[in-house]
Structure formats: C-alpha cells, structure tokens
Amino acid sequence: MEYNVIIYKKNIKNVILKVKHNGIVTLSVPKKTPNSFIETFLNSKKEWILKNLEKIKKNSTKAVDKSYKNGDNIEYLGKIYILEIFKSSSNKICVEDKYFKIYTTKEINKKNIEAIIYKWYKDKALEIFKISLNKYSNLIGEKFIDFKIRKMKRRWGSCRFVQRIITLNIELIKKPIECIDYVSLHEVAHLKHPHHKKEFWDFISIYMPDWKLRKERLDKYD
C-alpha cells in the first residue's frame, strides 16, 4: 500500500502525526525542523501508518472515496493522489507529484467530477490495457479480436475464448502496472487454455514466474 504525507511546518513545539478518516496522512512539525529529521521520523512510523491505513480501508464503506471533493484520495496505477479541483476556462487533468488536479468549466459537484474522472480513467485504460494485452498476445502467439472495458463487480477480467474477446475491469487502472500485466496475461492465456486447471497455471508460470506475487498484490488492493 502506498501513501502520501502532507507536511506542515507550523509555530508548534511538538511533532503531530495523523492518519485521517479519509486516508490522508498529515505531519505537523515545528517550523525549523530539518528535512532529515522528518524523513527519519516518517520511516520510523511507516508500520504504524500502514496499520492505520489498513484499518481505515477495512472499516470504510468507501463513501468517502466517492465524494469527489478536494482532499479525497484518487488512485491511479498503484499510487494514491490527493484530489484538487479548480474552476477554469478550459478542461484538463494534471497528475503531478502527489496531486490529481482537475480543471473544469463545469459546475463543481459530485456528479460532474465523477463523470470527468471516469472518462479520464477510461481513456487511460484504453491506452494502457491495449499495450499490456498486445504485449502478452504477441508473446504467447494467441490473438484476440477485440477487447472491452467496463465495470465488473467480482472479476478483474474475462475472456470469451470462442469469440476471442477480452473484457477488463476499468477498476484495474487504479492498480500497479505489474497487476494489470498479470490480468492481461491471465485473460490472453485463456485463448489457449479456457479453464483453470493445472495446465493453465503451468502455462502462466512460463511467461510470468512471479504471477503469484502479482496476484497477491492485486488481492491486497481489492
């Protein structure tokens, strides 16, 4: 699990580390605190931070994640960004440092921001998923006719091997590239082995020896 820390240098005497209910981690320190101390302190508290973030994740109904307000967490390719929304004369999204910045001409409300993010996710997914699927399709020599992207409740992907059509869950765009590659290989491999017998997993292992580690990481993000 990756996370960002927002650091504040204030007129205070003590160091204050917080993991907020929405998953944002903040650290307040005295103004003259050296950066070397901050880095050492955060490293020493990494286990505590991760433990609290995991607790929030388990207890959350994800309602906070879907409020689409400034300060919310936005996931993209395995990293967590802080959402910032700006009223603008043009429409664009910038992902830089630890911020996911939306500039929009539309009224700033949950419905509009959700639609903007979903479209951006889909555009990125079309590009990134296609590269990943083509890589493993070419590697194992099994061609698919088409691939689709949609929201899926219980699966990361599916393969209609007779029609040779692969569908990937748009939620995958939030996950690390190595997890996307695992799902891509998994579905492409079904074009050759349309089952989950030992033969299928042995075939996967030839092209991705560490698939179990990737699957475990993906399951942690689920």
C-alpha atoms as a PDB file:
ATOM      1  CA  MET A   1       0.000   0.000   0.000  1.00  0.00           C
ATOM      2  CA  GLU A   2       1.417   3.367  -0.989  1.00  0.00           C
ATOM      3  CA  TYR A   3       0.551   6.677   0.635  1.00  0.00           C
ATOM      4  CA  ASN A   4       1.438  10.346   0.595  1.00  0.00           C
ATOM      5  CA  VAL A   5       2.164  12.533   3.612  1.00  0.00           C
ATOM      6  CA  ILE A   6       1.181  16.203   3.720  1.00  0.00           C
ATOM      7  CA  ILE A   7       3.759  18.062   5.788  1.00  0.00           C
ATOM      8  CA  TYR A   8       3.023  21.308   7.631  1.00  0.00           C
ATOM      9  CA  LYS A   9       5.690  23.446   9.295  1.00  0.00           C
ATOM     10  CA  LYS A  10       3.981  25.499  11.999  1.00  0.00           C
ATOM     11  CA  ASN A  11       4.608  27.537  15.116  1.00  0.00           C
ATOM     12  CA  ILE A  12       4.255  24.498  17.365  1.00  0.00           C
ATOM     13  CA  LYS A  13       6.548  22.734  19.820  1.00  0.00           C
ATOM     14  CA  ASN A  14       5.686  19.082  19.226  1.00  0.00           C
ATOM     15  CA  VAL A  15       5.503  16.734  16.242  1.00  0.00           C
ATOM     16  CA  ILE A  16       1.948  15.671  15.367  1.00  0.00           C
ATOM     17  CA  LEU A  17       1.312  12.725  13.032  1.00  0.00           C
ATOM     18  CA  LYS A  18      -2.257  11.933  11.970  1.00  0.00           C
ATOM     19  CA  VAL A  19      -3.980   9.398   9.747  1.00  0.00           C
ATOM     20  CA  LYS A  20      -7.360  10.925   8.950  1.00  0.00           C
ATOM     21  CA  HIS A  21     -10.591   9.011   8.396  1.00  0.00           C
ATOM     22  CA  ASN A  22     -10.387   9.633   4.642  1.00  0.00           C
ATOM     23  CA  GLY A  23      -6.911   8.059   4.439  1.00  0.00           C
ATOM     24  CA  ILE A  24      -4.920  11.299   4.249  1.00  0.00           C
ATOM     25  CA  VAL A  25      -1.728  11.289   6.338  1.00  0.00           C
ATOM     26  CA  THR A  26      -0.538  14.608   7.776  1.00  0.00           C
ATOM     27  CA  LEU A  27       2.565  15.546   9.732  1.00  0.00           C
ATOM     28  CA  SER A  28       2.845  18.854  11.572  1.00  0.00           C
ATOM     29  CA  VAL A  29       6.291  19.879  12.818  1.00  0.00           C
ATOM     30  CA  PRO A  30       7.933  22.991  14.282  1.00  0.00           C
ATOM     31  CA  LYS A  31       8.986  25.491  11.617  1.00  0.00           C
ATOM     32  CA  LYS A  32      12.734  24.908  11.927  1.00  0.00           C
ATOM     33  CA  THR A  33      12.573  21.117  11.830  1.00  0.00           C
ATOM     34  CA  PRO A  34      15.244  19.740   9.426  1.00  0.00           C
ATOM     35  CA  ASN A  35      14.037  17.670   6.480  1.00  0.00           C
ATOM     36  CA  SER A  36      16.444  14.912   7.520  1.00  0.00           C
ATOM     37  CA  PHE A  37      14.585  14.574  10.836  1.00  0.00           C
ATOM     38  CA  ILE A  38      11.220  14.480   9.056  1.00  0.00           C
ATOM     39  CA  GLU A  39      12.405  11.693   6.745  1.00  0.00           C
ATOM     40  CA  THR A  40      13.822   9.637   9.614  1.00  0.00           C
ATOM     41  CA  PHE A  41      10.700  10.155  11.718  1.00  0.00           C
ATOM     42  CA  LEU A  42       8.350   9.088   8.898  1.00  0.00           C
ATOM     43  CA  ASN A  43      10.427   5.988   8.216  1.00  0.00           C
ATOM     44  CA  SER A  44      10.215   5.037  11.885  1.00  0.00           C
ATOM     45  CA  LYS A  45       6.418   5.447  11.781  1.00  0.00           C
ATOM     46  CA  LYS A  46       5.833   3.623   8.483  1.00  0.00           C
ATOM     47  CA  GLU A  47       4.493   0.457  10.119  1.00  0.00           C
ATOM     48  CA  TRP A  48       2.113   2.485  12.305  1.00  0.00           C
ATOM     49  CA  ILE A  49       0.873   4.484   9.317  1.00  0.00           C
ATOM     50  CA  LEU A  50       0.267   1.353   7.218  1.00  0.00           C
ATOM     51  CA  LYS A  51      -1.546  -0.337  10.099  1.00  0.00           C
ATOM     52  CA  ASN A  52      -3.913   2.601  10.496  1.00  0.00           C
ATOM     53  CA  LEU A  53      -4.488   2.948   6.748  1.00  0.00           C
ATOM     54  CA  GLU A  54      -5.354  -0.756   6.548  1.00  0.00           C
ATOM     55  CA  LYS A  55      -7.788  -0.342   9.446  1.00  0.00           C
ATOM     56  CA  ILE A  56      -9.488   2.554   7.659  1.00  0.00           C
ATOM     57  CA  LYS A  57      -9.690   0.550   4.446  1.00  0.00           C
ATOM     58  CA  LYS A  58     -11.352  -2.407   6.188  1.00  0.00           C
ATOM     59  CA  ASN A  59     -13.866  -0.289   8.081  1.00  0.00           C
ATOM     60  CA  SER A  60     -14.688   2.059   5.244  1.00  0.00           C
ATOM     61  CA  THR A  61     -17.822   1.723   3.148  1.00  0.00           C
ATOM     62  CA  LYS A  62     -15.886   3.726   0.512  1.00  0.00           C
ATOM     63  CA  ALA A  63     -18.466   6.503   0.699  1.00  0.00           C
ATOM     64  CA  VAL A  64     -15.638   8.927   1.437  1.00  0.00           C
ATOM     65  CA  ASP A  65     -13.687   7.737  -1.597  1.00  0.00           C
ATOM     66  CA  LYS A  66     -16.675   8.553  -3.777  1.00  0.00           C
ATOM     67  CA  SER A  67     -17.472  12.023  -2.517  1.00  0.00           C
ATOM     68  CA  TYR A  68     -15.125  13.607  -5.103  1.00  0.00           C
ATOM     69  CA  LYS A  69     -14.214  16.642  -3.039  1.00  0.00           C
ATOM     70  CA  ASN A  70     -10.915  18.449  -2.535  1.00  0.00           C
ATOM     71  CA  GLY A  71      -8.634  16.344  -0.366  1.00  0.00           C
ATOM     72  CA  ASP A  72     -10.101  12.978  -1.363  1.00  0.00           C
ATOM     73  CA  ASN A  73      -7.806  10.149  -2.405  1.00  0.00           C
ATOM     74  CA  ILE A  74      -7.659   9.270  -6.105  1.00  0.00           C
ATOM     75  CA  GLU A  75      -5.942   6.035  -7.126  1.00  0.00           C
ATOM     76  CA  TYR A  76      -4.051   5.635 -10.380  1.00  0.00           C
ATOM     77  CA  LEU A  77      -1.586   2.885 -11.339  1.00  0.00           C
ATOM     78  CA  GLY A  78      -0.991   1.814  -7.759  1.00  0.00           C
ATOM     79  CA  LYS A  79      -0.389   5.271  -6.341  1.00  0.00           C
ATOM     80  CA  ILE A  80      -2.631   7.496  -4.267  1.00  0.00           C
ATOM     81  CA  TYR A  81      -3.054  11.144  -5.223  1.00  0.00           C
ATOM     82  CA  ILE A  82      -4.785  13.997  -3.430  1.00  0.00           C
ATOM     83  CA  LEU A  83      -7.689  15.458  -5.394  1.00  0.00           C
ATOM     84  CA  GLU A  84      -7.643  19.172  -6.141  1.00  0.00           C
ATOM     85  CA  ILE A  85     -10.458  20.765  -8.182  1.00  0.00           C
ATOM     86  CA  PHE A  86     -10.245  24.162  -9.879  1.00  0.00           C
ATOM     87  CA  LYS A  87     -12.829  26.180 -11.744  1.00  0.00           C
ATOM     88  CA  SER A  88     -11.244  27.037 -15.087  1.00  0.00           C
ATOM     89  CA  SER A  89     -11.867  28.387 -18.580  1.00  0.00           C
ATOM     90  CA  SER A  90     -10.662  25.067 -20.015  1.00  0.00           C
ATOM     91  CA  ASN A  91     -10.928  21.366 -19.163  1.00  0.00           C
ATOM     92  CA  LYS A  92      -7.908  19.242 -18.291  1.00  0.00           C
ATOM     93  CA  ILE A  93      -6.485  16.842 -15.731  1.00  0.00           C
ATOM     94  CA  CYS A  94      -2.909  17.019 -14.462  1.00  0.00           C
ATOM     95  CA  VAL A  95      -1.326  14.281 -12.372  1.00  0.00           C
ATOM     96  CA  GLU A  96       1.817  15.655 -10.770  1.00  0.00           C
ATOM     97  CA  ASP A  97       3.786  14.918  -7.633  1.00  0.00           C
ATOM     98  CA  LYS A  98       1.122  13.736  -5.176  1.00  0.00           C
ATOM     99  CA  TYR A  99      -1.804  15.700  -6.608  1.00  0.00           C
ATOM    100  CA  PHE A 100      -4.599  14.795  -9.031  1.00  0.00           C
ATOM    101  CA  LYS A 101      -5.648  18.198 -10.367  1.00  0.00           C
ATOM    102  CA  ILE A 102      -8.908  18.726 -12.249  1.00  0.00           C
ATOM    103  CA  TYR A 103      -9.517  21.966 -14.143  1.00  0.00           C
ATOM    104  CA  THR A 104     -13.106  22.225 -15.337  1.00  0.00           C
ATOM    105  CA  THR A 105     -15.543  24.662 -16.887  1.00  0.00           C
ATOM    106  CA  LYS A 106     -18.443  22.695 -15.421  1.00  0.00           C
ATOM    107  CA  GLU A 107     -20.205  23.255 -12.130  1.00  0.00           C
ATOM    108  CA  ILE A 108     -18.193  21.613  -9.368  1.00  0.00           C
ATOM    109  CA  ASN A 109     -20.392  18.892  -7.898  1.00  0.00           C
ATOM    110  CA  LYS A 110     -20.114  15.156  -7.242  1.00  0.00           C
ATOM    111  CA  LYS A 111     -21.876  14.091 -10.445  1.00  0.00           C
ATOM    112  CA  ASN A 112     -19.739  16.218 -12.763  1.00  0.00           C
ATOM    113  CA  ILE A 113     -16.418  15.430 -11.084  1.00  0.00           C
ATOM    114  CA  GLU A 114     -17.206  11.711 -11.025  1.00  0.00           C
ATOM    115  CA  ALA A 115     -18.004  11.808 -14.760  1.00  0.00           C
ATOM    116  CA  ILE A 116     -14.782  13.699 -15.534  1.00  0.00           C
ATOM    117  CA  ILE A 117     -12.653  11.218 -13.588  1.00  0.00           C
ATOM    118  CA  TYR A 118     -14.426   8.196 -15.091  1.00  0.00           C
ATOM    119  CA  LYS A 119     -13.823   9.454 -18.639  1.00  0.00           C
ATOM    120  CA  TRP A 120     -10.169  10.116 -17.848  1.00  0.00           C
ATOM    121  CA  TYR A 121      -9.826   6.625 -16.338  1.00  0.00           C
ATOM    122  CA  LYS A 122     -11.427   5.074 -19.423  1.00  0.00           C
ATOM    123  CA  ASP A 123      -9.174   6.968 -21.844  1.00  0.00           C
ATOM    124  CA  LYS A 124      -6.092   5.902 -19.895  1.00  0.00           C
ATOM    125  CA  ALA A 125      -7.363   2.328 -19.599  1.00  0.00           C
ATOM    126  CA  LEU A 126      -7.917   2.044 -23.351  1.00  0.00           C
ATOM    127  CA  GLU A 127      -4.320   3.075 -23.927  1.00  0.00           C
ATOM    128  CA  ILE A 128      -2.594   1.140 -21.130  1.00  0.00           C
ATOM    129  CA  PHE A 129      -4.683  -2.048 -21.288  1.00  0.00           C
ATOM    130  CA  LYS A 130      -4.193  -2.307 -25.059  1.00  0.00           C
ATOM    131  CA  ILE A 131      -0.414  -2.100 -24.698  1.00  0.00           C
ATOM    132  CA  SER A 132      -0.448  -4.769 -21.976  1.00  0.00           C
ATOM    133  CA  LEU A 133      -2.790  -7.136 -23.851  1.00  0.00           C
ATOM    134  CA  ASN A 134      -0.842  -6.794 -27.093  1.00  0.00           C
ATOM    135  CA  LYS A 135       2.425  -7.495 -25.280  1.00  0.00           C
ATOM    136  CA  TYR A 136       1.228 -10.851 -23.958  1.00  0.00           C
ATOM    137  CA  SER A 137      -0.789 -11.699 -27.051  1.00  0.00           C
ATOM    138  CA  ASN A 138       2.361 -11.368 -29.142  1.00  0.00           C
ATOM    139  CA  LEU A 139       4.449 -13.175 -26.530  1.00  0.00           C
ATOM    140  CA  ILE A 140       2.340 -16.339 -26.424  1.00  0.00           C
ATOM    141  CA  GLY A 141       1.143 -16.176 -30.019  1.00  0.00           C
ATOM    142  CA  GLU A 142      -2.599 -16.015 -29.310  1.00  0.00           C
ATOM    143  CA  LYS A 143      -4.506 -13.174 -30.954  1.00  0.00           C
ATOM    144  CA  PHE A 144      -7.685 -11.613 -29.615  1.00  0.00           C
ATOM    145  CA  ILE A 145     -10.187  -9.973 -31.968  1.00  0.00           C
ATOM    146  CA  ASP A 146     -11.326  -7.199 -29.642  1.00  0.00           C
ATOM    147  CA  PHE A 147     -11.162  -6.038 -26.042  1.00  0.00           C
ATOM    148  CA  LYS A 148     -13.680  -4.125 -23.983  1.00  0.00           C
ATOM    149  CA  ILE A 149     -13.594  -2.110 -20.772  1.00  0.00           C
ATOM    150  CA  ARG A 150     -16.408  -1.996 -18.242  1.00  0.00           C
ATOM    151  CA  LYS A 151     -17.113  -2.008 -14.527  1.00  0.00           C
ATOM    152  CA  MET A 152     -17.159  -5.523 -13.093  1.00  0.00           C
ATOM    153  CA  LYS A 153     -18.217  -6.339  -9.545  1.00  0.00           C
ATOM    154  CA  ARG A 154     -16.478  -9.650  -8.938  1.00  0.00           C
ATOM    155  CA  ARG A 155     -13.811 -10.117 -11.589  1.00  0.00           C
ATOM    156  CA  TRP A 156     -10.809  -8.246 -12.902  1.00  0.00           C
ATOM    157  CA  GLY A 157     -11.295  -9.632 -16.373  1.00  0.00           C
ATOM    158  CA  SER A 158     -12.993 -12.224 -18.564  1.00  0.00           C
ATOM    159  CA  CYS A 159     -12.309 -13.992 -21.856  1.00  0.00           C
ATOM    160  CA  ARG A 160     -14.887 -15.184 -24.366  1.00  0.00           C
ATOM    161  CA  PHE A 161     -12.454 -17.584 -25.990  1.00  0.00           C
ATOM    162  CA  VAL A 162     -14.790 -18.698 -28.788  1.00  0.00           C
ATOM    163  CA  GLN A 163     -15.385 -15.091 -29.939  1.00  0.00           C
ATOM    164  CA  ARG A 164     -11.792 -14.214 -28.845  1.00  0.00           C
ATOM    165  CA  ILE A 165     -12.990 -11.119 -26.999  1.00  0.00           C
ATOM    166  CA  ILE A 166     -11.383  -9.996 -23.734  1.00  0.00           C
ATOM    167  CA  THR A 167     -13.044  -7.697 -21.198  1.00  0.00           C
ATOM    168  CA  LEU A 168     -11.088  -5.918 -18.463  1.00  0.00           C
ATOM    169  CA  ASN A 169     -12.449  -4.198 -15.372  1.00  0.00           C
ATOM    170  CA  ILE A 170     -11.945  -0.419 -15.552  1.00  0.00           C
ATOM    171  CA  GLU A 171     -11.017  -0.523 -11.845  1.00  0.00           C
ATOM    172  CA  LEU A 172      -7.732  -2.113 -12.908  1.00  0.00           C
ATOM    173  CA  ILE A 173      -6.499   1.328 -13.984  1.00  0.00           C
ATOM    174  CA  LYS A 174      -6.133   2.111 -10.279  1.00  0.00           C
ATOM    175  CA  LYS A 175      -3.756  -0.812  -9.756  1.00  0.00           C
ATOM    176  CA  PRO A 176       0.012  -1.156 -10.322  1.00  0.00           C
ATOM    177  CA  ILE A 177       1.218  -1.978 -13.844  1.00  0.00           C
ATOM    178  CA  GLU A 178       2.500  -5.385 -12.740  1.00  0.00           C
ATOM    179  CA  CYS A 179      -1.043  -6.265 -11.602  1.00  0.00           C
ATOM    180  CA  ILE A 180      -2.516  -5.062 -14.903  1.00  0.00           C
ATOM    181  CA  ASP A 181       0.024  -7.214 -16.748  1.00  0.00           C
ATOM    182  CA  TYR A 182      -0.927 -10.244 -14.636  1.00  0.00           C
ATOM    183  CA  VAL A 183      -4.621  -9.893 -15.528  1.00  0.00           C
ATOM    184  CA  SER A 184      -3.769  -9.299 -19.190  1.00  0.00           C
ATOM    185  CA  LEU A 185      -1.669 -12.472 -19.384  1.00  0.00           C
ATOM    186  CA  HIS A 186      -4.320 -14.399 -17.451  1.00  0.00           C
ATOM    187  CA  GLU A 187      -7.063 -13.500 -19.929  1.00  0.00           C
ATOM    188  CA  VAL A 188      -4.914 -13.886 -23.048  1.00  0.00           C
ATOM    189  CA  ALA A 189      -3.822 -17.321 -21.805  1.00  0.00           C
ATOM    190  CA  HIS A 190      -7.480 -18.369 -21.712  1.00  0.00           C
ATOM    191  CA  LEU A 191      -7.462 -18.151 -25.513  1.00  0.00           C
ATOM    192  CA  LYS A 192      -5.215 -21.229 -25.391  1.00  0.00           C
ATOM    193  CA  HIS A 193      -6.419 -22.824 -22.149  1.00  0.00           C
ATOM    194  CA  PRO A 194     -10.096 -21.907 -21.432  1.00  0.00           C
ATOM    195  CA  HIS A 195     -10.062 -23.309 -17.880  1.00  0.00           C
ATOM    196  CA  HIS A 196      -8.205 -23.034 -14.552  1.00  0.00           C
ATOM    197  CA  LYS A 197      -6.672 -26.488 -14.441  1.00  0.00           C
ATOM    198  CA  LYS A 198      -3.020 -27.142 -13.577  1.00  0.00           C
ATOM    199  CA  GLU A 199      -2.114 -26.911 -17.260  1.00  0.00           C
ATOM    200  CA  PHE A 200      -3.330 -23.302 -17.333  1.00  0.00           C
ATOM    201  CA  TRP A 201      -1.307 -22.221 -14.292  1.00  0.00           C
ATOM    202  CA  ASP A 202       1.790 -24.029 -15.558  1.00  0.00           C
ATOM    203  CA  PHE A 203       1.414 -22.100 -18.815  1.00  0.00           C
ATOM    204  CA  ILE A 204       1.103 -18.793 -16.923  1.00  0.00           C
ATOM    205  CA  SER A 205       4.266 -19.615 -14.953  1.00  0.00           C
ATOM    206  CA  ILE A 206       6.300 -19.966 -18.139  1.00  0.00           C
ATOM    207  CA  TYR A 207       5.687 -16.340 -19.104  1.00  0.00           C
ATOM    208  CA  MET A 208       5.301 -14.843 -15.631  1.00  0.00           C
ATOM    209  CA  PRO A 209       7.145 -16.828 -12.942  1.00  0.00           C
ATOM    210  CA  ASP A 210       6.152 -14.314 -10.240  1.00  0.00           C
ATOM    211  CA  TRP A 211       2.418 -14.343 -11.055  1.00  0.00           C
ATOM    212  CA  LYS A 212       1.519 -15.448  -7.524  1.00  0.00           C
ATOM    213  CA  LEU A 213       3.198 -12.379  -6.025  1.00  0.00           C
ATOM    214  CA  ARG A 214       1.406 -10.133  -8.514  1.00  0.00           C
ATOM    215  CA  LYS A 215      -1.926 -11.793  -7.735  1.00  0.00           C
ATOM    216  CA  GLU A 216      -1.338 -11.364  -4.004  1.00  0.00           C
ATOM    217  CA  ARG A 217      -0.604  -7.685  -4.512  1.00  0.00           C
ATOM    218  CA  LEU A 218      -3.725  -7.291  -6.624  1.00  0.00           C
ATOM    219  CA  ASP A 219      -5.825  -9.032  -3.967  1.00  0.00           C
ATOM    220  CA  LYS A 220      -4.469  -6.616  -1.345  1.00  0.00           C
ATOM    221  CA  TYR A 221      -5.741  -3.706  -3.428  1.00  0.00           C
ATOM    222  CA  ASP A 222      -9.147  -5.328  -3.887  1.00  0.00           C
END
